[in-house]
Amino acid sequence: MGGIRIAAVCAILCALGFPALAQDKNALSVGTGFAAGVYYPMGEGIAKVVSKHMPGYAAKVEVTGGSVDNLKLLATSRIDVGFSMADASWDAYNGADKFKSGKLAVRALMVLYPNSLHVVALDRPDITKISDLKGKRLATGAPGSATEVMALRVLEAYGLDKDSTRERLGLEESVAALKDKKVDVLFWSGGVPTAAIANLASTPGVKLRFLDYDDAVETMVKKYGPLYVKQVIPATAYSGLGKGAKGAGVWNILVVSETMSPGLAYNLVKAVFDHKADIVASHKEADNISLENQRNDTSPIPFHPGAIKYFSEKGIKVR
């Protein structure tokens, strides 16, 4: 009877979408971000690849506040793999900014794709440039997100970090607040296009204005290191954009703890590169995952030894 009951329970779990015999698998948790961003769907793609092509492992995604949260969750072993922007990873590795309580032992597994910081307002005559943000209501990203880190650095570069009202909102909350005119501008660091912003841009009766801020890049690099590059959001990225938006970009990387076994790290990298097409199907930004982008100037933190081994076999030298 016991076997029959167990079989019945397994059948019910499978019907509900739970993997059969999950207890026989090594669980891997992937820290992503908000569901409306890029981290989450790409993380789902990676989790599916791991679960399907790495025997003995079952991966699942976790919704988090983003880069800073993921780095802190890695440090406490609450996740195994995390998405992060390069600047937040650099801060964690060096014990700076939001990580002043101590350096975190994090390593890069691979470089993913470049992020663009979007600075978006409704199209109105009193907000046409960054200097117009003085005294305005700004959605600068969720607590624990790299969006917040980068937004504050841009505002600081223009001397506006103390001359506005900041709302610490996640992406979906920021989009809703902008649409309802509860904030004047939203900041969002993510892949291009980001679905939530694309949906707002294509909403009937809504016209958006993307603000240029590329003048801030030199100041940011001088203070925080070679983490940011000038980047343009193409005019074709969002409905009604009209012309490219000139700003700054930063690479996204997949991070793990330095204590992850080299064998596991190697197999994770191999699975992603062997089955990249499956991840691109989850989000097209995964098309940027390439051997050519695995460099020490795109990841400011050291690579994990398991990743170094894989890339070395492909003729790529990183440290």
Protein backbone atom coordinates (compact mmCIF):
# COMPACT_ATOMS: atom_id res chain seq x y z
CA MET A 1 0.00 0.00 0.00
CA GLY A 2 2.86 2.38 0.83
CA GLY A 3 4.27 2.11 -2.69
CA ILE A 4 0.85 2.78 -4.18
CA ARG A 5 0.44 5.88 -2.02
CA ILE A 6 3.86 7.19 -3.00
CA ALA A 7 3.09 6.62 -6.67
CA ALA A 8 -0.21 8.44 -6.26
CA VAL A 9 1.50 11.39 -4.57
CA CYS A 10 4.11 11.54 -7.35
CA ALA A 11 1.37 11.50 -9.97
CA ILE A 12 -0.39 14.40 -8.26
CA LEU A 13 2.85 16.39 -7.98
CA CYS A 14 3.61 15.83 -11.64
CA ALA A 15 0.11 16.97 -12.57
CA LEU A 16 0.71 20.15 -10.58
CA GLY A 17 3.96 20.82 -12.41
CA PHE A 18 6.42 19.54 -9.80
CA PRO A 19 9.25 17.35 -11.10
CA ALA A 20 8.99 13.69 -10.24
CA LEU A 21 11.51 12.33 -7.76
CA ALA A 22 12.89 15.82 -7.10
CA GLN A 23 14.41 14.43 -3.92
CA ASP A 24 16.86 12.47 -6.10
CA LYS A 25 18.15 15.68 -7.71
CA ASN A 26 20.69 18.21 -6.47
CA ALA A 27 18.77 21.48 -6.31
CA LEU A 28 20.31 24.62 -7.79
CA SER A 29 18.74 27.99 -7.10
CA VAL A 30 19.17 30.83 -9.62
CA GLY A 31 18.68 34.38 -8.30
CA THR A 32 17.22 36.61 -11.01
CA GLY A 33 15.21 39.84 -10.65
CA PHE A 34 11.72 41.09 -11.34
CA ALA A 35 9.49 39.03 -13.64
CA ALA A 36 9.02 41.98 -16.01
CA GLY A 37 12.76 42.43 -16.60
CA VAL A 38 15.33 40.35 -18.49
CA TYR A 39 16.98 38.46 -15.62
CA TYR A 40 13.89 36.40 -14.84
CA PRO A 41 13.07 34.99 -18.31
CA MET A 42 16.75 34.42 -19.07
CA GLY A 43 17.13 32.74 -15.69
CA GLU A 44 14.21 30.48 -16.54
CA GLY A 45 15.95 29.53 -19.76
CA ILE A 46 19.17 28.69 -17.92
CA ALA A 47 17.27 26.73 -15.25
CA LYS A 48 15.53 24.64 -17.91
CA VAL A 49 18.84 23.91 -19.63
CA VAL A 50 20.43 22.84 -16.34
CA SER A 51 17.48 20.64 -15.37
CA LYS A 52 17.34 19.01 -18.81
CA HIS A 53 21.00 18.63 -19.70
CA MET A 54 22.89 18.29 -16.39
CA PRO A 55 22.10 14.83 -15.02
CA GLY A 56 21.45 14.84 -11.29
CA TYR A 57 20.52 18.53 -11.09
CA ALA A 58 17.21 20.38 -10.94
CA ALA A 59 17.37 24.18 -11.13
CA LYS A 60 14.73 26.72 -10.17
CA VAL A 61 14.56 30.51 -10.44
CA GLU A 62 14.06 32.93 -7.57
CA VAL A 63 12.47 36.36 -7.95
CA THR A 64 14.73 38.87 -6.16
CA GLY A 65 15.38 42.59 -6.01
CA GLY A 66 18.22 42.20 -8.52
CA SER A 67 22.00 42.41 -8.46
CA VAL A 68 22.68 43.58 -4.90
CA ASP A 69 20.17 41.13 -3.46
CA ASN A 70 21.62 38.27 -5.49
CA LEU A 71 25.16 38.98 -4.33
CA LYS A 72 24.08 39.04 -0.70
CA LEU A 73 22.01 35.86 -1.15
CA LEU A 74 25.06 34.14 -2.65
CA ALA A 75 27.14 35.14 0.35
CA THR A 76 24.65 33.45 2.69
CA SER A 77 24.27 30.36 0.45
CA ARG A 78 20.57 31.05 -0.12
CA ILE A 79 21.10 30.86 -3.88
CA ASP A 80 23.75 29.04 -5.92
CA VAL A 81 23.92 31.22 -9.03
CA GLY A 82 22.96 34.86 -9.43
CA PHE A 83 22.54 37.51 -12.09
CA SER A 84 24.40 40.75 -11.43
CA MET A 85 25.51 43.91 -13.11
CA ALA A 86 29.28 44.30 -13.27
CA ASP A 87 29.34 47.43 -11.09
CA ALA A 88 27.46 45.78 -8.22
CA SER A 89 29.75 42.72 -8.49
CA TRP A 90 32.80 44.98 -8.34
CA ASP A 91 31.47 46.66 -5.20
CA ALA A 92 30.75 43.29 -3.57
CA TYR A 93 34.20 41.94 -4.43
CA ASN A 94 35.89 45.07 -3.04
CA GLY A 95 33.58 45.71 -0.06
CA ALA A 96 32.44 49.09 -1.37
CA ASP A 97 29.20 51.10 -1.44
CA LYS A 98 26.35 48.78 -0.39
CA PHE A 99 28.88 46.14 0.72
CA LYS A 100 30.93 48.22 3.16
CA SER A 101 30.29 45.63 5.88
CA GLY A 102 32.79 43.35 4.14
CA LYS A 103 34.07 41.91 0.88
CA LEU A 104 32.10 39.02 -0.61
CA ALA A 105 33.84 35.96 -2.04
CA VAL A 106 32.12 36.04 -5.44
CA ARG A 107 33.41 34.94 -8.83
CA ALA A 108 32.22 35.38 -12.40
CA LEU A 109 30.84 32.30 -14.10
CA MET A 110 30.32 34.04 -17.44
CA VAL A 111 29.61 37.40 -19.05
CA LEU A 112 26.04 37.62 -20.34
CA TYR A 113 24.87 40.78 -22.10
CA PRO A 114 25.14 44.57 -21.78
CA ASN A 115 22.60 46.55 -19.76
CA SER A 116 21.43 50.03 -20.66
CA LEU A 117 20.23 52.46 -18.03
CA HIS A 118 16.90 53.81 -19.25
CA VAL A 119 15.88 57.27 -18.03
CA VAL A 120 12.25 57.60 -19.09
CA ALA A 121 9.66 60.34 -18.72
CA LEU A 122 6.28 60.99 -20.23
CA ASP A 123 6.65 63.38 -23.16
CA ARG A 124 6.12 66.79 -21.57
CA PRO A 125 7.71 70.21 -22.17
CA ASP A 126 9.23 70.65 -18.70
CA ILE A 127 11.31 67.43 -18.84
CA THR A 128 13.56 67.27 -21.88
CA LYS A 129 17.00 66.83 -20.31
CA ILE A 130 18.62 65.51 -17.11
CA SER A 131 19.01 68.95 -15.55
CA ASP A 132 15.21 69.24 -15.61
CA LEU A 133 15.01 66.52 -12.93
CA LYS A 134 15.79 68.97 -10.13
CA GLY A 135 12.89 68.88 -7.70
CA LYS A 136 11.11 66.10 -9.60
CA ARG A 137 9.76 62.77 -8.33
CA LEU A 138 12.03 59.96 -9.48
CA ALA A 139 11.60 56.18 -9.40
CA THR A 140 15.22 55.12 -8.95
CA GLY A 141 14.86 51.35 -8.65
CA ALA A 142 14.09 48.86 -5.93
CA PRO A 143 16.16 48.60 -2.76
CA GLY A 144 18.81 45.97 -3.36
CA SER A 145 18.95 46.57 -7.12
CA ALA A 146 21.83 47.65 -9.32
CA THR A 147 19.38 50.02 -11.02
CA GLU A 148 19.36 52.06 -7.82
CA VAL A 149 23.16 52.02 -7.66
CA MET A 150 23.57 53.24 -11.23
CA ALA A 151 20.70 55.75 -11.05
CA LEU A 152 22.22 57.43 -8.00
CA ARG A 153 25.63 57.58 -9.69
CA VAL A 154 24.14 59.30 -12.73
CA LEU A 155 22.27 61.80 -10.53
CA GLU A 156 25.44 62.38 -8.51
CA ALA A 157 27.40 63.10 -11.70
CA TYR A 158 24.92 65.89 -12.49
CA GLY A 159 24.80 67.14 -8.89
CA LEU A 160 21.16 66.09 -8.55
CA ASP A 161 21.44 63.30 -5.98
CA LYS A 162 20.05 65.55 -3.22
CA ASP A 163 17.71 67.72 -5.30
CA SER A 164 14.83 65.36 -6.00
CA THR A 165 12.31 63.06 -4.34
CA ARG A 166 13.27 59.43 -4.78
CA GLU A 167 10.87 56.50 -4.79
CA ARG A 168 12.55 53.12 -4.38
CA LEU A 169 10.29 51.13 -6.69
CA GLY A 170 10.72 47.93 -8.68
CA LEU A 171 10.24 47.90 -12.43
CA GLU A 172 6.54 47.13 -12.61
CA GLU A 173 5.78 49.60 -9.81
CA SER A 174 7.89 52.26 -11.55
CA VAL A 175 6.10 51.78 -14.87
CA ALA A 176 2.68 51.97 -13.20
CA ALA A 177 3.70 55.08 -11.22
CA LEU A 178 4.95 56.83 -14.37
CA LYS A 179 1.82 55.95 -16.30
CA ASP A 180 -0.37 57.24 -13.45
CA LYS A 181 1.82 60.38 -13.11
CA LYS A 182 2.76 59.53 -9.53
CA VAL A 183 6.42 59.91 -10.51
CA ASP A 184 7.92 62.13 -13.21
CA VAL A 185 10.77 59.87 -14.35
CA LEU A 186 11.71 56.24 -14.00
CA PHE A 187 15.20 54.75 -14.05
CA TRP A 188 15.69 51.17 -15.14
CA SER A 189 18.87 49.27 -15.92
CA GLY A 190 18.12 46.30 -18.13
CA GLY A 191 18.33 44.67 -21.50
CA VAL A 192 16.94 46.28 -24.62
CA PRO A 193 14.06 46.05 -25.08
CA THR A 194 12.67 45.53 -21.58
CA ALA A 195 9.14 44.15 -21.88
CA ALA A 196 7.48 46.34 -19.26
CA ILE A 197 8.79 49.55 -20.82
CA ALA A 198 8.02 48.32 -24.34
CA ASN A 199 4.43 47.63 -23.27
CA LEU A 200 4.10 51.14 -21.83
CA ALA A 201 5.61 52.72 -24.95
CA SER A 202 3.05 50.94 -27.15
CA THR A 203 0.06 51.86 -24.94
CA PRO A 204 -2.45 54.01 -26.83
CA GLY A 205 -2.32 57.62 -25.69
CA VAL A 206 1.12 57.27 -24.07
CA LYS A 207 4.21 58.95 -25.53
CA LEU A 208 7.54 58.51 -23.78
CA ARG A 209 10.71 60.58 -23.81
CA PHE A 210 14.07 58.91 -23.16
CA LEU A 211 16.59 61.34 -21.68
CA ASP A 212 20.25 61.49 -22.78
CA TYR A 213 22.88 61.41 -20.03
CA ASP A 214 26.06 60.21 -21.78
CA ASP A 215 27.92 63.25 -20.41
CA ALA A 216 27.89 61.49 -17.01
CA VAL A 217 29.97 58.50 -18.11
CA GLU A 218 33.42 60.10 -17.77
CA THR A 219 32.64 61.32 -14.25
CA MET A 220 31.27 57.91 -13.22
CA VAL A 221 34.29 56.07 -14.56
CA LYS A 222 36.68 58.47 -12.84
CA LYS A 223 35.07 57.87 -9.45
CA TYR A 224 33.92 54.25 -9.63
CA GLY A 225 36.31 52.58 -12.04
CA PRO A 226 36.14 51.33 -15.65
CA LEU A 227 32.68 49.84 -15.29
CA TYR A 228 30.59 52.01 -17.60
CA VAL A 229 30.72 52.65 -21.33
CA LYS A 230 28.77 55.06 -23.52
CA GLN A 231 25.89 53.26 -25.14
CA VAL A 232 22.90 54.14 -27.31
CA ILE A 233 19.43 52.64 -27.00
CA PRO A 234 18.48 52.29 -30.69
CA ALA A 235 15.58 54.32 -32.06
CA THR A 236 13.93 51.07 -33.12
CA ALA A 237 14.01 49.57 -29.60
CA TYR A 238 10.77 51.13 -28.39
CA SER A 239 7.64 52.39 -30.10
CA GLY A 240 7.71 56.13 -30.72
CA LEU A 241 11.32 56.59 -29.58
CA GLY A 242 12.16 58.50 -32.75
CA LYS A 243 15.92 58.75 -32.19
CA GLY A 244 18.52 56.84 -30.23
CA ALA A 245 18.85 57.61 -26.53
CA LYS A 246 22.46 58.32 -25.52
CA GLY A 247 23.46 57.00 -22.11
CA ALA A 248 25.59 54.41 -20.36
CA GLY A 249 25.84 50.66 -20.36
CA VAL A 250 27.31 48.05 -18.06
CA TRP A 251 27.73 44.32 -18.59
CA ASN A 252 25.70 41.69 -16.80
CA ILE A 253 27.45 38.64 -15.46
CA LEU A 254 26.44 35.35 -13.91
CA VAL A 255 28.05 35.09 -10.47
CA VAL A 256 28.70 32.23 -8.06
CA SER A 257 30.50 31.76 -4.77
CA GLU A 258 34.22 31.05 -4.93
CA THR A 259 33.43 27.88 -2.92
CA MET A 260 31.43 26.29 -5.76
CA SER A 261 33.21 23.16 -6.92
CA PRO A 262 35.25 23.62 -10.13
CA GLY A 263 33.50 20.64 -11.70
CA LEU A 264 30.03 22.09 -11.14
CA ALA A 265 31.07 25.52 -12.40
CA TYR A 266 32.61 23.95 -15.51
CA ASN A 267 29.47 21.94 -16.26
CA LEU A 268 27.22 24.97 -15.78
CA VAL A 269 29.21 27.01 -18.29
CA LYS A 270 29.32 24.09 -20.73
CA ALA A 271 25.56 23.54 -20.48
CA VAL A 272 24.83 27.20 -21.22
CA PHE A 273 27.14 27.36 -24.25
CA ASP A 274 26.11 23.95 -25.59
CA HIS A 275 22.41 24.86 -25.40
CA LYS A 276 22.48 28.60 -25.90
CA ALA A 277 19.66 28.46 -28.47
CA ASP A 278 17.28 27.22 -25.77
CA ILE A 279 18.14 30.25 -23.63
CA VAL A 280 17.77 32.68 -26.55
CA ALA A 281 14.25 31.28 -26.94
CA SER A 282 13.55 32.55 -23.39
CA HIS A 283 14.94 36.02 -24.10
CA LYS A 284 16.79 37.29 -27.16
CA GLU A 285 19.38 39.18 -25.05
CA ALA A 286 20.94 35.73 -24.50
CA ASP A 287 22.16 36.00 -28.08
CA ASN A 288 24.93 38.23 -26.63
CA ILE A 289 26.36 35.31 -24.65
CA SER A 290 29.51 34.55 -26.63
CA LEU A 291 33.06 33.38 -26.14
CA GLU A 292 34.29 36.71 -27.50
CA ASN A 293 32.62 38.56 -24.62
CA GLN A 294 34.36 36.49 -21.94
CA ARG A 295 37.05 39.01 -21.01
CA ASN A 296 38.48 40.61 -17.90
CA ASP A 297 37.42 44.04 -19.15
CA THR A 298 33.77 42.94 -19.33
CA SER A 299 33.88 41.22 -15.93
CA PRO A 300 35.66 43.32 -13.30
CA ILE A 301 35.80 40.39 -10.86
CA PRO A 302 37.90 37.22 -11.33
CA PHE A 303 36.40 34.25 -13.11
CA HIS A 304 35.73 31.01 -11.22
CA PRO A 305 38.40 28.31 -11.81
CA GLY A 306 35.79 26.01 -13.39
CA ALA A 307 34.87 28.72 -15.87
CA ILE A 308 38.54 29.47 -16.57
CA LYS A 309 39.06 25.78 -17.43
CA TYR A 310 36.15 25.76 -19.89
CA PHE A 311 37.19 28.98 -21.61
CA SER A 312 40.82 27.85 -21.76
CA GLU A 313 39.71 24.75 -23.67
CA LYS A 314 38.02 27.12 -26.16
CA GLY A 315 41.18 29.21 -26.56
CA ILE A 316 39.95 32.08 -24.35
CA LYS A 317 42.35 33.33 -21.68
CA VAL A 318 40.78 34.93 -18.61
CA ARG A 319 41.82 35.10 -15.00
